[in-house]
Amino acid sequence: MKSLLLATGLLIATVAQALGASAADFKAAYAAAEAAEKEAGTLRNRWTTTEAALAAARKAAEKGDFEEAVASAREAEALAKASIFQANSEKQRWKDVEIR
């Protein structure tokens, strides 16, 4: 539940920041999203929704819609960070379960 709330909060915050975006803004946002997704991959916890958001970002950038591209890239970053949070928390949570 915490990861869902975290992802939702990050998504709302990043979409609001995307207004008036440029190609440079897109490149920076996309690079951050790719880095977070790469980290999620090292934890073996990539989400298909993150991949879809990255694809949407690329598609919007190809059309020259940098506001949408930045918003999608930031959404992808938020999703990737939520998947990282999930992977790390699950590493610890299994220890809390009593095995019978």
C-alpha atoms as a PDB file:
ATOM      1  CA  MET A   1       0.000   0.000   0.000  1.00  0.00           C
ATOM      2  CA  LYS A   2       2.840   2.381   0.818  1.00  0.00           C
ATOM      3  CA  SER A   3       4.433   1.843  -2.585  1.00  0.00           C
ATOM      4  CA  LEU A   4       1.131   2.593  -4.317  1.00  0.00           C
ATOM      5  CA  LEU A   5       0.745   5.828  -2.344  1.00  0.00           C
ATOM      6  CA  LEU A   6       4.348   6.764  -3.051  1.00  0.00           C
ATOM      7  CA  ALA A   7       3.942   6.124  -6.767  1.00  0.00           C
ATOM      8  CA  THR A   8       0.687   8.086  -6.902  1.00  0.00           C
ATOM      9  CA  GLY A   9       2.203  11.049  -5.090  1.00  0.00           C
ATOM     10  CA  LEU A  10       5.253  11.089  -7.322  1.00  0.00           C
ATOM     11  CA  LEU A  11       3.085  10.793 -10.404  1.00  0.00           C
ATOM     12  CA  ILE A  12       0.933  13.774  -9.456  1.00  0.00           C
ATOM     13  CA  ALA A  13       3.970  15.875  -8.592  1.00  0.00           C
ATOM     14  CA  THR A  14       5.827  15.044 -11.786  1.00  0.00           C
ATOM     15  CA  VAL A  15       2.892  15.584 -14.114  1.00  0.00           C
ATOM     16  CA  ALA A  16       2.367  19.044 -12.635  1.00  0.00           C
ATOM     17  CA  GLN A  17       6.000  19.932 -13.351  1.00  0.00           C
ATOM     18  CA  ALA A  18       5.828  18.909 -17.011  1.00  0.00           C
ATOM     19  CA  LEU A  19       4.097  22.069 -18.262  1.00  0.00           C
ATOM     20  CA  GLY A  20       6.156  24.040 -20.776  1.00  0.00           C
ATOM     21  CA  ALA A  21       8.686  21.284 -21.361  1.00  0.00           C
ATOM     22  CA  SER A  22      11.470  21.349 -23.955  1.00  0.00           C
ATOM     23  CA  ALA A  23      13.513  18.681 -25.705  1.00  0.00           C
ATOM     24  CA  ALA A  24      16.247  19.164 -23.102  1.00  0.00           C
ATOM     25  CA  ASP A  25      13.710  18.655 -20.314  1.00  0.00           C
ATOM     26  CA  PHE A  26      12.603  15.440 -21.992  1.00  0.00           C
ATOM     27  CA  LYS A  27      16.161  14.145 -22.335  1.00  0.00           C
ATOM     28  CA  ALA A  28      16.854  14.787 -18.645  1.00  0.00           C
ATOM     29  CA  ALA A  29      13.578  13.240 -17.500  1.00  0.00           C
ATOM     30  CA  TYR A  30      14.026  10.228 -19.764  1.00  0.00           C
ATOM     31  CA  ALA A  31      17.607   9.661 -18.588  1.00  0.00           C
ATOM     32  CA  ALA A  32      16.439   9.704 -14.954  1.00  0.00           C
ATOM     33  CA  ALA A  33      13.643   7.261 -15.767  1.00  0.00           C
ATOM     34  CA  GLU A  34      16.022   4.921 -17.589  1.00  0.00           C
ATOM     35  CA  ALA A  35      18.460   4.994 -14.672  1.00  0.00           C
ATOM     36  CA  ALA A  36      15.716   4.111 -12.203  1.00  0.00           C
ATOM     37  CA  GLU A  37      14.442   1.362 -14.496  1.00  0.00           C
ATOM     38  CA  LYS A  38      17.965  -0.031 -14.799  1.00  0.00           C
ATOM     39  CA  GLU A  39      18.212  -0.149 -10.999  1.00  0.00           C
ATOM     40  CA  ALA A  40      14.840  -1.922 -10.839  1.00  0.00           C
ATOM     41  CA  GLY A  41      16.201  -4.420 -13.341  1.00  0.00           C
ATOM     42  CA  THR A  42      19.209  -5.176 -11.162  1.00  0.00           C
ATOM     43  CA  LEU A  43      16.731  -5.978  -8.391  1.00  0.00           C
ATOM     44  CA  ARG A  44      14.776  -8.183 -10.822  1.00  0.00           C
ATOM     45  CA  ASN A  45      11.630  -6.152 -10.312  1.00  0.00           C
ATOM     46  CA  ARG A  46      10.808  -4.355 -13.529  1.00  0.00           C
ATOM     47  CA  TRP A  47       7.170  -3.456 -14.038  1.00  0.00           C
ATOM     48  CA  THR A  48       5.449  -3.614 -17.426  1.00  0.00           C
ATOM     49  CA  THR A  49       3.719  -0.321 -16.614  1.00  0.00           C
ATOM     50  CA  THR A  50       7.117   1.345 -16.407  1.00  0.00           C
ATOM     51  CA  GLU A  51       8.075  -0.008 -19.819  1.00  0.00           C
ATOM     52  CA  ALA A  52       4.767   1.262 -21.243  1.00  0.00           C
ATOM     53  CA  ALA A  53       5.364   4.733 -19.797  1.00  0.00           C
ATOM     54  CA  LEU A  54       8.876   4.816 -21.282  1.00  0.00           C
ATOM     55  CA  ALA A  55       7.478   3.815 -24.676  1.00  0.00           C
ATOM     56  CA  ALA A  56       4.805   6.516 -24.417  1.00  0.00           C
ATOM     57  CA  ALA A  57       7.502   9.061 -23.579  1.00  0.00           C
ATOM     58  CA  ARG A  58       9.551   8.109 -26.634  1.00  0.00           C
ATOM     59  CA  LYS A  59       6.474   8.208 -28.867  1.00  0.00           C
ATOM     60  CA  ALA A  60       5.430  11.655 -27.624  1.00  0.00           C
ATOM     61  CA  ALA A  61       8.966  12.996 -28.079  1.00  0.00           C
ATOM     62  CA  GLU A  62       9.058  11.699 -31.654  1.00  0.00           C
ATOM     63  CA  LYS A  63       5.886  13.696 -32.322  1.00  0.00           C
ATOM     64  CA  GLY A  64       7.423  16.803 -30.750  1.00  0.00           C
ATOM     65  CA  ASP A  65       4.982  16.808 -27.824  1.00  0.00           C
ATOM     66  CA  PHE A  66       7.592  17.407 -25.140  1.00  0.00           C
ATOM     67  CA  GLU A  67       5.081  18.212 -22.423  1.00  0.00           C
ATOM     68  CA  GLU A  68       3.538  14.753 -22.810  1.00  0.00           C
ATOM     69  CA  ALA A  69       6.965  13.162 -23.257  1.00  0.00           C
ATOM     70  CA  VAL A  70       8.273  14.662 -20.020  1.00  0.00           C
ATOM     71  CA  ALA A  71       5.102  13.713 -18.154  1.00  0.00           C
ATOM     72  CA  SER A  72       5.368  10.106 -19.363  1.00  0.00           C
ATOM     73  CA  ALA A  73       9.090   9.944 -18.577  1.00  0.00           C
ATOM     74  CA  ARG A  74       8.497  11.238 -15.063  1.00  0.00           C
ATOM     75  CA  GLU A  75       5.653   8.769 -14.632  1.00  0.00           C
ATOM     76  CA  ALA A  76       8.032   6.002 -15.695  1.00  0.00           C
ATOM     77  CA  GLU A  77      10.607   7.209 -13.178  1.00  0.00           C
ATOM     78  CA  ALA A  78       8.007   7.241 -10.397  1.00  0.00           C
ATOM     79  CA  LEU A  79       6.896   3.731 -11.304  1.00  0.00           C
ATOM     80  CA  ALA A  80      10.476   2.480 -11.437  1.00  0.00           C
ATOM     81  CA  LYS A  81      11.212   4.002  -8.041  1.00  0.00           C
ATOM     82  CA  ALA A  82       8.076   2.369  -6.645  1.00  0.00           C
ATOM     83  CA  SER A  83       9.229  -0.989  -7.993  1.00  0.00           C
ATOM     84  CA  ILE A  84      12.628  -0.434  -6.358  1.00  0.00           C
ATOM     85  CA  PHE A  85      10.894   0.371  -3.079  1.00  0.00           C
ATOM     86  CA  GLN A  86       8.781  -2.768  -3.423  1.00  0.00           C
ATOM     87  CA  ALA A  87      11.781  -4.982  -4.139  1.00  0.00           C
ATOM     88  CA  ASN A  88      13.734  -3.629  -1.188  1.00  0.00           C
ATOM     89  CA  SER A  89      10.832  -3.866   1.238  1.00  0.00           C
ATOM     90  CA  GLU A  90      10.049  -7.426   0.158  1.00  0.00           C
ATOM     91  CA  LYS A  91      13.665  -8.402   0.796  1.00  0.00           C
ATOM     92  CA  GLN A  92      13.043  -7.624   4.446  1.00  0.00           C
ATOM     93  CA  ARG A  93       9.372  -8.537   4.836  1.00  0.00           C
ATOM     94  CA  TRP A  94       9.824 -12.245   4.178  1.00  0.00           C
ATOM     95  CA  LYS A  95      11.971 -12.396   7.301  1.00  0.00           C
ATOM     96  CA  ASP A  96       9.002 -11.151   9.332  1.00  0.00           C
ATOM     97  CA  VAL A  97       6.825 -14.064   8.266  1.00  0.00           C
ATOM     98  CA  GLU A  98       6.705 -16.965  10.659  1.00  0.00           C
ATOM     99  CA  ILE A  99       7.233 -20.212   8.813  1.00  0.00           C
ATOM    100  CA  ARG A 100       5.393 -23.170  10.283  1.00  0.00           C
END
